Amino acid sequence: MSRGTVLRRDVVHRGRVFELGVEEVRLPDGREIGLDVLRHPGASAILPLTDRGTILMIRQFRHAADGFLWEIPAGTLDPGESPLDCAHRELVEEARVRATEMLPLGEIVPVPGYSTERIHLFLARGLDAAEGKLDADELIAEVRPVPVDEVVAWLRDGSLIDAKSAVAVSRARERGLLPGFAASGGPG
């Protein structure tokens, strides 16, 4: 099947980051339907792996999630910015480290039912301290190096609920990029 065709878009709200609209769409099977669609510029998320084999996790306040969440650093692409450049920028801003190596872990579509957002995932290695400055809307209570086994335990027991973080950890683990885990995903 082919892609859908937008026949008309009425913008309901233009925000700082995204645009919300009602779209009249022709689906690949020919039906026409009205959909609420959030147009998003995309983002990058970074799994920062230290030389000591820990993951730098951030504890960030998320109003929409009703509190603080443990997650990996991430941020929205600036106009014209590549996902890789965004990853480097956000790693410095949020985790206060710079990476000498960024390995792509693919991308995810976190909410395909109503958003165009795509998050590009990276594993960062070769970390050195850097001065970072948070955006005005960010509140990060803590940046903590967490042992890989502990982060994987959070993933297994459901306490790591941030989707981009869970996928990044899972993909890095499956590819054998995390210390102590072979490419099959089991302890190595």
N, C-alpha and C. Protein backbone atom coordinates (compact mmCIF):
# COMPACT_ATOMS: atom_id res chain seq x y z
N MET A 1 0.84 -1.19 0.00
CA MET A 1 0.00 0.00 0.00
C MET A 1 0.88 1.25 0.00
N SER A 2 0.34 2.30 -0.53
CA SER A 2 1.06 3.57 -0.58
C SER A 2 0.80 4.38 0.68
N ARG A 3 1.32 5.58 0.68
CA ARG A 3 1.12 6.49 1.80
C ARG A 3 -0.25 7.16 1.70
N GLY A 4 -0.68 7.74 2.80
CA GLY A 4 -1.90 8.53 2.78
C GLY A 4 -1.63 9.89 2.15
N THR A 5 -2.69 10.56 1.73
CA THR A 5 -2.57 11.88 1.11
C THR A 5 -3.33 12.89 1.96
N VAL A 6 -2.65 13.98 2.33
CA VAL A 6 -3.31 15.05 3.07
C VAL A 6 -4.06 15.91 2.06
N LEU A 7 -5.37 15.96 2.21
CA LEU A 7 -6.21 16.76 1.33
C LEU A 7 -6.36 18.19 1.83
N ARG A 8 -6.38 18.32 3.17
CA ARG A 8 -6.51 19.64 3.78
C ARG A 8 -5.98 19.57 5.21
N ARG A 9 -5.36 20.67 5.66
CA ARG A 9 -4.88 20.74 7.04
C ARG A 9 -5.29 22.08 7.63
N ASP A 10 -5.99 22.01 8.76
CA ASP A 10 -6.37 23.21 9.50
C ASP A 10 -5.55 23.22 10.79
N VAL A 11 -4.70 24.24 10.94
CA VAL A 11 -3.85 24.34 12.13
C VAL A 11 -4.70 24.83 13.30
N VAL A 12 -4.67 24.07 14.38
CA VAL A 12 -5.42 24.40 15.58
C VAL A 12 -4.53 25.17 16.56
N HIS A 13 -3.25 24.80 16.60
CA HIS A 13 -2.31 25.43 17.54
C HIS A 13 -0.89 25.33 16.99
N ARG A 14 -0.16 26.46 17.08
CA ARG A 14 1.27 26.48 16.78
C ARG A 14 2.00 26.76 18.07
N GLY A 15 2.78 25.80 18.52
CA GLY A 15 3.54 25.97 19.75
C GLY A 15 5.01 26.22 19.48
N ARG A 16 5.77 26.27 20.55
CA ARG A 16 7.21 26.50 20.46
C ARG A 16 7.91 25.35 19.74
N VAL A 17 7.41 24.13 19.92
CA VAL A 17 8.07 22.95 19.37
C VAL A 17 7.27 22.29 18.25
N PHE A 18 5.97 22.22 18.37
CA PHE A 18 5.18 21.47 17.41
C PHE A 18 3.95 22.25 16.96
N GLU A 19 3.27 21.66 15.98
CA GLU A 19 2.05 22.25 15.43
C GLU A 19 0.97 21.18 15.45
N LEU A 20 -0.19 21.52 15.98
CA LEU A 20 -1.31 20.60 16.05
C LEU A 20 -2.34 21.00 15.00
N GLY A 21 -2.80 20.02 14.23
CA GLY A 21 -3.77 20.33 13.20
C GLY A 21 -4.77 19.22 13.02
N VAL A 22 -5.85 19.55 12.33
CA VAL A 22 -6.85 18.57 11.92
C VAL A 22 -6.64 18.39 10.43
N GLU A 23 -6.40 17.14 10.03
CA GLU A 23 -6.11 16.86 8.63
C GLU A 23 -7.20 16.00 8.02
N GLU A 24 -7.62 16.38 6.84
CA GLU A 24 -8.50 15.54 6.02
C GLU A 24 -7.55 14.71 5.17
N VAL A 25 -7.62 13.37 5.35
CA VAL A 25 -6.64 12.47 4.74
C VAL A 25 -7.32 11.42 3.88
N ARG A 26 -6.72 11.13 2.72
CA ARG A 26 -7.16 9.99 1.92
C ARG A 26 -6.21 8.85 2.27
N LEU A 27 -6.76 7.79 2.85
CA LEU A 27 -5.98 6.63 3.25
C LEU A 27 -5.57 5.82 2.02
N PRO A 28 -4.56 4.96 2.15
CA PRO A 28 -4.12 4.16 1.00
C PRO A 28 -5.22 3.30 0.37
N ASP A 29 -6.28 2.97 1.13
CA ASP A 29 -7.37 2.17 0.56
C ASP A 29 -8.45 3.03 -0.08
N GLY A 30 -8.24 4.37 -0.12
CA GLY A 30 -9.17 5.27 -0.79
C GLY A 30 -10.16 5.97 0.12
N ARG A 31 -10.33 5.51 1.36
CA ARG A 31 -11.25 6.17 2.28
C ARG A 31 -10.70 7.54 2.68
N GLU A 32 -11.61 8.47 2.95
CA GLU A 32 -11.23 9.79 3.44
C GLU A 32 -11.67 9.91 4.89
N ILE A 33 -10.79 10.49 5.73
CA ILE A 33 -11.04 10.53 7.17
C ILE A 33 -10.40 11.79 7.75
N GLY A 34 -10.97 12.30 8.84
CA GLY A 34 -10.39 13.43 9.56
C GLY A 34 -9.53 12.92 10.71
N LEU A 35 -8.31 13.43 10.84
CA LEU A 35 -7.39 13.00 11.89
C LEU A 35 -6.77 14.20 12.59
N ASP A 36 -6.57 14.08 13.89
CA ASP A 36 -5.79 15.06 14.65
C ASP A 36 -4.33 14.65 14.52
N VAL A 37 -3.48 15.56 14.02
CA VAL A 37 -2.07 15.22 13.81
C VAL A 37 -1.18 16.30 14.40
N LEU A 38 -0.23 15.85 15.22
CA LEU A 38 0.77 16.72 15.81
C LEU A 38 2.01 16.63 14.93
N ARG A 39 2.38 17.72 14.27
CA ARG A 39 3.57 17.77 13.42
C ARG A 39 4.75 18.17 14.29
N HIS A 40 5.78 17.32 14.33
CA HIS A 40 6.94 17.50 15.22
C HIS A 40 8.22 17.46 14.39
N PRO A 41 9.21 18.30 14.70
CA PRO A 41 10.44 18.32 13.89
C PRO A 41 11.36 17.13 14.10
N GLY A 42 11.11 16.30 15.10
CA GLY A 42 11.97 15.15 15.38
C GLY A 42 12.90 15.45 16.53
N ALA A 43 13.60 14.43 17.00
CA ALA A 43 14.46 14.57 18.17
C ALA A 43 15.59 13.55 18.10
N SER A 44 16.54 13.72 18.99
CA SER A 44 17.61 12.76 19.19
C SER A 44 17.67 12.40 20.67
N ALA A 45 18.01 11.14 20.95
CA ALA A 45 18.17 10.67 22.33
C ALA A 45 19.48 9.89 22.39
N ILE A 46 20.18 10.04 23.50
CA ILE A 46 21.53 9.54 23.62
C ILE A 46 21.69 8.65 24.84
N LEU A 47 22.22 7.44 24.64
CA LEU A 47 22.55 6.53 25.73
C LEU A 47 24.04 6.73 26.03
N PRO A 48 24.37 7.51 27.09
CA PRO A 48 25.77 7.81 27.37
C PRO A 48 26.42 6.71 28.21
N LEU A 49 27.37 6.01 27.62
CA LEU A 49 28.06 4.90 28.27
C LEU A 49 29.45 5.37 28.70
N THR A 50 29.71 5.32 30.00
CA THR A 50 31.00 5.79 30.52
C THR A 50 32.07 4.72 30.35
N ASP A 51 33.34 5.12 30.48
CA ASP A 51 34.45 4.17 30.41
C ASP A 51 34.39 3.15 31.54
N ARG A 52 33.71 3.48 32.61
CA ARG A 52 33.57 2.55 33.75
C ARG A 52 32.40 1.58 33.57
N GLY A 53 31.73 1.68 32.43
CA GLY A 53 30.64 0.75 32.16
C GLY A 53 29.33 1.11 32.81
N THR A 54 29.14 2.39 33.10
CA THR A 54 27.86 2.85 33.64
C THR A 54 27.15 3.68 32.58
N ILE A 55 25.87 3.87 32.78
CA ILE A 55 25.07 4.71 31.88
C ILE A 55 24.71 5.98 32.65
N LEU A 56 24.96 7.13 32.04
CA LEU A 56 24.56 8.39 32.67
C LEU A 56 23.07 8.57 32.46
N MET A 57 22.32 8.44 33.55
CA MET A 57 20.87 8.61 33.51
C MET A 57 20.54 9.97 34.11
N ILE A 58 19.51 10.61 33.58
CA ILE A 58 19.08 11.89 34.14
C ILE A 58 17.70 11.71 34.77
N ARG A 59 17.48 12.43 35.85
CA ARG A 59 16.18 12.44 36.53
C ARG A 59 15.57 13.79 36.23
N GLN A 60 14.60 13.79 35.32
CA GLN A 60 14.06 15.03 34.78
C GLN A 60 12.58 15.17 35.11
N PHE A 61 12.18 16.40 35.44
CA PHE A 61 10.76 16.67 35.71
C PHE A 61 10.02 16.73 34.39
N ARG A 62 8.93 15.98 34.31
CA ARG A 62 8.07 15.97 33.13
C ARG A 62 6.65 16.26 33.58
N HIS A 63 6.20 17.48 33.34
CA HIS A 63 4.87 17.91 33.78
C HIS A 63 3.78 16.98 33.24
N ALA A 64 3.84 16.67 31.94
CA ALA A 64 2.80 15.83 31.33
C ALA A 64 2.77 14.42 31.92
N ALA A 65 3.90 13.95 32.45
CA ALA A 65 3.96 12.62 33.07
C ALA A 65 3.73 12.70 34.57
N ASP A 66 3.49 13.91 35.07
CA ASP A 66 3.13 14.13 36.46
C ASP A 66 4.25 13.86 37.46
N GLY A 67 5.49 14.19 37.06
CA GLY A 67 6.58 14.05 38.02
C GLY A 67 7.93 13.85 37.37
N PHE A 68 8.86 13.37 38.17
CA PHE A 68 10.23 13.11 37.71
C PHE A 68 10.32 11.72 37.11
N LEU A 69 11.09 11.60 36.02
CA LEU A 69 11.35 10.32 35.36
C LEU A 69 12.84 10.13 35.21
N TRP A 70 13.31 8.88 35.31
CA TRP A 70 14.66 8.54 34.91
C TRP A 70 14.64 8.31 33.41
N GLU A 71 15.57 8.94 32.73
CA GLU A 71 15.63 8.81 31.28
C GLU A 71 17.03 9.12 30.78
N ILE A 72 17.24 8.92 29.49
CA ILE A 72 18.50 9.29 28.87
C ILE A 72 18.36 10.71 28.31
N PRO A 73 19.47 11.43 28.12
CA PRO A 73 19.38 12.77 27.55
C PRO A 73 18.75 12.75 26.16
N ALA A 74 17.97 13.78 25.86
CA ALA A 74 17.29 13.87 24.57
C ALA A 74 16.84 15.29 24.32
N GLY A 75 16.58 15.60 23.07
CA GLY A 75 16.06 16.92 22.76
C GLY A 75 15.60 17.03 21.32
N THR A 76 14.85 18.08 21.07
CA THR A 76 14.26 18.35 19.77
C THR A 76 15.29 18.91 18.80
N LEU A 77 15.17 18.49 17.55
CA LEU A 77 16.03 19.01 16.49
C LEU A 77 15.73 20.49 16.25
N ASP A 78 16.77 21.30 16.16
CA ASP A 78 16.61 22.69 15.74
C ASP A 78 16.41 22.71 14.22
N PRO A 79 15.80 23.78 13.67
CA PRO A 79 15.62 23.85 12.21
C PRO A 79 16.95 23.67 11.48
N GLY A 80 16.98 22.73 10.53
CA GLY A 80 18.16 22.48 9.73
C GLY A 80 19.25 21.65 10.42
N GLU A 81 19.03 21.28 11.67
CA GLU A 81 20.03 20.54 12.43
C GLU A 81 19.93 19.04 12.13
N SER A 82 21.07 18.37 12.00
CA SER A 82 21.07 16.93 11.78
C SER A 82 20.82 16.22 13.11
N PRO A 83 20.29 14.98 13.05
CA PRO A 83 20.11 14.22 14.29
C PRO A 83 21.42 14.03 15.06
N LEU A 84 22.54 13.83 14.36
CA LEU A 84 23.83 13.65 15.02
C LEU A 84 24.26 14.92 15.74
N ASP A 85 24.13 16.06 15.08
CA ASP A 85 24.49 17.33 15.73
C ASP A 85 23.60 17.60 16.94
N CYS A 86 22.32 17.29 16.82
CA CYS A 86 21.39 17.44 17.94
C CYS A 86 21.83 16.55 19.10
N ALA A 87 22.22 15.32 18.81
CA ALA A 87 22.65 14.39 19.86
C ALA A 87 23.86 14.94 20.60
N HIS A 88 24.84 15.45 19.87
CA HIS A 88 26.02 16.03 20.52
C HIS A 88 25.63 17.23 21.39
N ARG A 89 24.76 18.10 20.87
CA ARG A 89 24.33 19.30 21.61
C ARG A 89 23.58 18.93 22.88
N GLU A 90 22.64 18.02 22.77
CA GLU A 90 21.82 17.64 23.92
C GLU A 90 22.62 16.91 24.99
N LEU A 91 23.60 16.12 24.58
CA LEU A 91 24.44 15.41 25.54
C LEU A 91 25.19 16.40 26.42
N VAL A 92 25.71 17.46 25.81
CA VAL A 92 26.42 18.50 26.57
C VAL A 92 25.43 19.25 27.46
N GLU A 93 24.29 19.66 26.90
CA GLU A 93 23.31 20.44 27.66
C GLU A 93 22.79 19.69 28.89
N GLU A 94 22.40 18.44 28.71
CA GLU A 94 21.68 17.73 29.77
C GLU A 94 22.56 16.87 30.67
N ALA A 95 23.59 16.23 30.11
CA ALA A 95 24.43 15.33 30.91
C ALA A 95 25.78 15.96 31.24
N ARG A 96 26.05 17.11 30.66
CA ARG A 96 27.31 17.84 30.90
C ARG A 96 28.54 17.01 30.55
N VAL A 97 28.43 16.27 29.43
CA VAL A 97 29.57 15.53 28.89
C VAL A 97 29.58 15.66 27.37
N ARG A 98 30.76 15.48 26.81
CA ARG A 98 30.98 15.48 25.37
C ARG A 98 31.42 14.07 24.99
N ALA A 99 31.04 13.60 23.80
CA ALA A 99 31.39 12.25 23.35
C ALA A 99 32.32 12.31 22.15
N THR A 100 33.29 11.39 22.14
CA THR A 100 34.17 11.27 20.97
C THR A 100 33.58 10.31 19.93
N GLU A 101 32.59 9.51 20.36
CA GLU A 101 32.00 8.54 19.45
C GLU A 101 30.49 8.46 19.67
N MET A 102 29.75 8.50 18.56
CA MET A 102 28.29 8.35 18.60
C MET A 102 27.92 7.24 17.63
N LEU A 103 27.37 6.17 18.17
CA LEU A 103 26.93 5.05 17.34
C LEU A 103 25.42 5.09 17.16
N PRO A 104 24.93 5.08 15.93
CA PRO A 104 23.48 5.11 15.72
C PRO A 104 22.82 3.81 16.18
N LEU A 105 21.68 3.96 16.85
CA LEU A 105 20.87 2.82 17.29
C LEU A 105 19.52 2.79 16.57
N GLY A 106 19.40 3.52 15.47
CA GLY A 106 18.15 3.55 14.71
C GLY A 106 17.22 4.64 15.22
N GLU A 107 16.00 4.55 14.81
CA GLU A 107 15.01 5.55 15.22
C GLU A 107 13.75 4.86 15.68
N ILE A 108 12.93 5.64 16.39
CA ILE A 108 11.62 5.15 16.84
C ILE A 108 10.56 6.20 16.52
N VAL A 109 9.34 5.75 16.41
CA VAL A 109 8.17 6.61 16.26
C VAL A 109 7.36 6.39 17.54
N PRO A 110 7.52 7.30 18.53
CA PRO A 110 6.95 7.03 19.85
C PRO A 110 5.42 7.00 19.92
N VAL A 111 4.75 7.83 19.15
CA VAL A 111 3.28 7.85 19.20
C VAL A 111 2.72 7.98 17.78
N PRO A 112 2.75 6.89 17.00
CA PRO A 112 2.37 6.94 15.59
C PRO A 112 0.89 7.20 15.34
N GLY A 113 0.07 7.09 16.36
CA GLY A 113 -1.36 7.32 16.17
C GLY A 113 -1.72 8.77 15.95
N TYR A 114 -0.86 9.70 16.40
CA TYR A 114 -1.21 11.11 16.23
C TYR A 114 -0.03 12.05 16.06
N SER A 115 1.20 11.54 16.02
CA SER A 115 2.35 12.43 15.92
C SER A 115 3.32 11.98 14.84
N THR A 116 3.95 12.96 14.18
CA THR A 116 4.96 12.67 13.15
C THR A 116 6.36 12.56 13.76
N GLU A 117 6.49 12.72 15.08
CA GLU A 117 7.81 12.71 15.71
C GLU A 117 8.55 11.41 15.47
N ARG A 118 9.83 11.55 15.12
CA ARG A 118 10.77 10.44 15.01
C ARG A 118 11.94 10.79 15.92
N ILE A 119 12.32 9.83 16.77
CA ILE A 119 13.45 10.04 17.67
C ILE A 119 14.61 9.18 17.19
N HIS A 120 15.74 9.82 16.92
CA HIS A 120 16.95 9.16 16.47
C HIS A 120 17.77 8.80 17.71
N LEU A 121 18.09 7.51 17.84
CA LEU A 121 18.77 7.02 19.02
C LEU A 121 20.26 6.82 18.74
N PHE A 122 21.09 7.15 19.75
CA PHE A 122 22.54 7.02 19.65
C PHE A 122 23.10 6.45 20.94
N LEU A 123 24.22 5.74 20.82
CA LEU A 123 25.02 5.33 21.96
C LEU A 123 26.27 6.21 21.93
N ALA A 124 26.53 6.92 23.03
CA ALA A 124 27.70 7.81 23.11
C ALA A 124 28.78 7.15 23.95
N ARG A 125 30.02 7.19 23.43
CA ARG A 125 31.18 6.67 24.17
C ARG A 125 32.31 7.69 24.10
N GLY A 126 33.33 7.46 24.94
CA GLY A 126 34.45 8.39 24.99
C GLY A 126 34.01 9.72 25.59
N LEU A 127 33.43 9.66 26.78
CA LEU A 127 32.83 10.84 27.41
C LEU A 127 33.85 11.64 28.21
N ASP A 128 33.79 12.96 28.05
CA ASP A 128 34.61 13.90 28.82
C ASP A 128 33.70 14.98 29.36
N ALA A 129 34.02 15.50 30.54
CA ALA A 129 33.23 16.56 31.17
C ALA A 129 33.14 17.78 30.27
N ALA A 130 31.98 18.44 30.30
CA ALA A 130 31.73 19.66 29.51
C ALA A 130 30.77 20.55 30.28
N GLU A 131 30.78 21.81 29.96
CA GLU A 131 29.84 22.75 30.57
C GLU A 131 28.56 22.78 29.76
N GLY A 132 27.46 22.45 30.40
CA GLY A 132 26.18 22.46 29.72
C GLY A 132 25.24 23.48 30.34
N LYS A 133 24.29 23.94 29.54
CA LYS A 133 23.29 24.89 30.00
C LYS A 133 21.92 24.38 29.58
N LEU A 134 21.06 24.14 30.56
CA LEU A 134 19.72 23.63 30.28
C LEU A 134 18.86 24.68 29.59
N ASP A 135 17.88 24.20 28.82
CA ASP A 135 16.88 25.10 28.25
C ASP A 135 15.98 25.60 29.38
N ALA A 136 15.29 26.69 29.15
CA ALA A 136 14.46 27.32 30.18
C ALA A 136 13.36 26.40 30.71
N ASP A 137 12.88 25.48 29.89
CA ASP A 137 11.77 24.61 30.31
C ASP A 137 12.25 23.28 30.90
N GLU A 138 13.55 23.13 31.12
CA GLU A 138 14.09 21.87 31.63
C GLU A 138 14.42 21.96 33.12
N LEU A 139 14.07 20.91 33.84
CA LEU A 139 14.43 20.78 35.25
C LEU A 139 14.99 19.38 35.44
N ILE A 140 16.32 19.31 35.55
CA ILE A 140 16.99 18.04 35.77
C ILE A 140 17.51 18.04 37.20
N ALA A 141 16.98 17.13 38.00
CA ALA A 141 17.33 17.08 39.42
C ALA A 141 18.65 16.37 39.65
N GLU A 142 19.01 15.45 38.74
CA GLU A 142 20.20 14.64 38.98
C GLU A 142 20.70 14.04 37.68
N VAL A 143 22.02 13.96 37.55
CA VAL A 143 22.67 13.18 36.49
C VAL A 143 23.48 12.14 37.24
N ARG A 144 23.14 10.86 37.05
CA ARG A 144 23.77 9.82 37.85
C ARG A 144 24.33 8.70 36.97
N PRO A 145 25.59 8.30 37.21
CA PRO A 145 26.09 7.10 36.53
C PRO A 145 25.48 5.87 37.19
N VAL A 146 24.74 5.09 36.42
CA VAL A 146 24.04 3.93 36.94
C VAL A 146 24.64 2.68 36.29
N PRO A 147 24.99 1.66 37.09
CA PRO A 147 25.52 0.43 36.50
C PRO A 147 24.56 -0.14 35.45
N VAL A 148 25.13 -0.65 34.37
CA VAL A 148 24.32 -1.21 33.29
C VAL A 148 23.34 -2.25 33.82
N ASP A 149 23.81 -3.14 34.70
CA ASP A 149 22.92 -4.17 35.25
C ASP A 149 21.71 -3.57 35.94
N GLU A 150 21.91 -2.44 36.63
CA GLU A 150 20.80 -1.79 37.32
C GLU A 150 19.81 -1.19 36.33
N VAL A 151 20.32 -0.55 35.28
CA VAL A 151 19.42 0.03 34.26
C VAL A 151 18.63 -1.09 33.58
N VAL A 152 19.29 -2.20 33.27
CA VAL A 152 18.60 -3.34 32.66
C VAL A 152 17.55 -3.90 33.63
N ALA A 153 17.86 -3.92 34.92
CA ALA A 153 16.87 -4.36 35.92
C ALA A 153 15.67 -3.42 35.93
N TRP A 154 15.90 -2.10 35.81
CA TRP A 154 14.79 -1.13 35.72
C TRP A 154 13.93 -1.44 34.50
N LEU A 155 14.59 -1.80 33.41
CA LEU A 155 13.88 -2.14 32.18
C LEU A 155 13.02 -3.39 32.39
N ARG A 156 13.60 -4.39 33.01
CA ARG A 156 12.89 -5.66 33.23
C ARG A 156 11.74 -5.54 34.21
N ASP A 157 11.93 -4.76 35.30
CA ASP A 157 10.87 -4.68 36.32
C ASP A 157 9.84 -3.59 36.03
N GLY A 158 10.02 -2.85 34.94
CA GLY A 158 9.04 -1.85 34.55
C GLY A 158 9.22 -0.50 35.20
N SER A 159 10.28 -0.29 35.96
CA SER A 159 10.45 1.03 36.58
C SER A 159 11.07 2.05 35.62
N LEU A 160 11.68 1.60 34.52
CA LEU A 160 12.13 2.50 33.46
C LEU A 160 10.97 2.62 32.48
N ILE A 161 10.17 3.69 32.63
CA ILE A 161 8.94 3.81 31.83
C ILE A 161 9.08 4.75 30.65
N ASP A 162 10.19 5.46 30.53
CA ASP A 162 10.41 6.35 29.40
C ASP A 162 10.73 5.50 28.17
N ALA A 163 9.89 5.60 27.14
CA ALA A 163 9.99 4.71 25.98
C ALA A 163 11.31 4.84 25.22
N LYS A 164 11.77 6.06 24.98
CA LYS A 164 13.01 6.22 24.21
C LYS A 164 14.19 5.61 24.95
N SER A 165 14.20 5.75 26.26
CA SER A 165 15.27 5.18 27.08
C SER A 165 15.21 3.65 27.05
N ALA A 166 14.02 3.10 27.19
CA ALA A 166 13.85 1.65 27.19
C ALA A 166 14.30 1.05 25.85
N VAL A 167 13.93 1.68 24.76
CA VAL A 167 14.31 1.16 23.44
C VAL A 167 15.82 1.29 23.24
N ALA A 168 16.41 2.41 23.62
CA ALA A 168 17.85 2.60 23.44
C ALA A 168 18.64 1.55 24.23
N VAL A 169 18.25 1.32 25.48
CA VAL A 169 18.92 0.31 26.30
C VAL A 169 18.74 -1.07 25.67
N SER A 170 17.54 -1.39 25.24
CA SER A 170 17.27 -2.70 24.63
C SER A 170 18.09 -2.91 23.36
N ARG A 171 18.12 -1.90 22.51
CA ARG A 171 18.87 -2.05 21.25
C ARG A 171 20.37 -2.18 21.50
N ALA A 172 20.90 -1.36 22.41
CA ALA A 172 22.34 -1.45 22.72
C ALA A 172 22.66 -2.82 23.32
N ARG A 173 21.79 -3.31 24.16
CA ARG A 173 22.00 -4.62 24.78
C ARG A 173 21.95 -5.73 23.73
N GLU A 174 20.96 -5.68 22.85
CA GLU A 174 20.82 -6.70 21.81
C GLU A 174 22.00 -6.70 20.85
N ARG A 175 22.63 -5.57 20.65
CA ARG A 175 23.77 -5.47 19.73
C ARG A 175 25.10 -5.74 20.43
N GLY A 176 25.05 -6.09 21.72
CA GLY A 176 26.27 -6.40 22.45
C GLY A 176 27.12 -5.19 22.75
N LEU A 177 26.52 -4.01 22.81
CA LEU A 177 27.26 -2.77 23.04
C LEU A 177 27.37 -2.39 24.51
N LEU A 178 26.67 -3.12 25.37
CA LEU A 178 26.72 -2.82 26.80
C LEU A 178 27.60 -3.85 27.50
N PRO A 179 28.47 -3.40 28.41
CA PRO A 179 29.35 -4.34 29.11
C PRO A 179 28.54 -5.38 29.88
N GLY A 180 28.97 -6.63 29.77
CA GLY A 180 28.31 -7.70 30.50
C GLY A 180 27.18 -8.35 29.72
N PHE A 181 26.87 -7.85 28.51
CA PHE A 181 25.79 -8.43 27.73
C PHE A 181 26.30 -8.78 26.34
N ALA A 182 26.16 -10.04 25.98
CA ALA A 182 26.54 -10.49 24.65
C ALA A 182 25.49 -10.04 23.64
N ALA A 183 25.78 -10.18 22.37
CA ALA A 183 24.87 -9.73 21.32
C ALA A 183 23.49 -10.37 21.41
N SER A 184 23.37 -11.51 22.06
CA SER A 184 22.07 -12.17 22.21
C SER A 184 21.19 -11.47 23.24
N GLY A 185 21.77 -10.55 24.01
CA GLY A 185 20.99 -9.83 25.01
C GLY A 185 21.12 -10.41 26.39
N GLY A 186 21.69 -11.59 26.54
CA GLY A 186 21.86 -12.19 27.86
C GLY A 186 23.19 -11.80 28.47
N PRO A 187 23.36 -12.04 29.75
CA PRO A 187 24.64 -11.73 30.37
C PRO A 187 25.75 -12.48 29.67
N GLY A 188 26.88 -11.76 29.48
CA GLY A 188 27.98 -12.35 28.72
C GLY A 188 29.13 -12.78 29.55
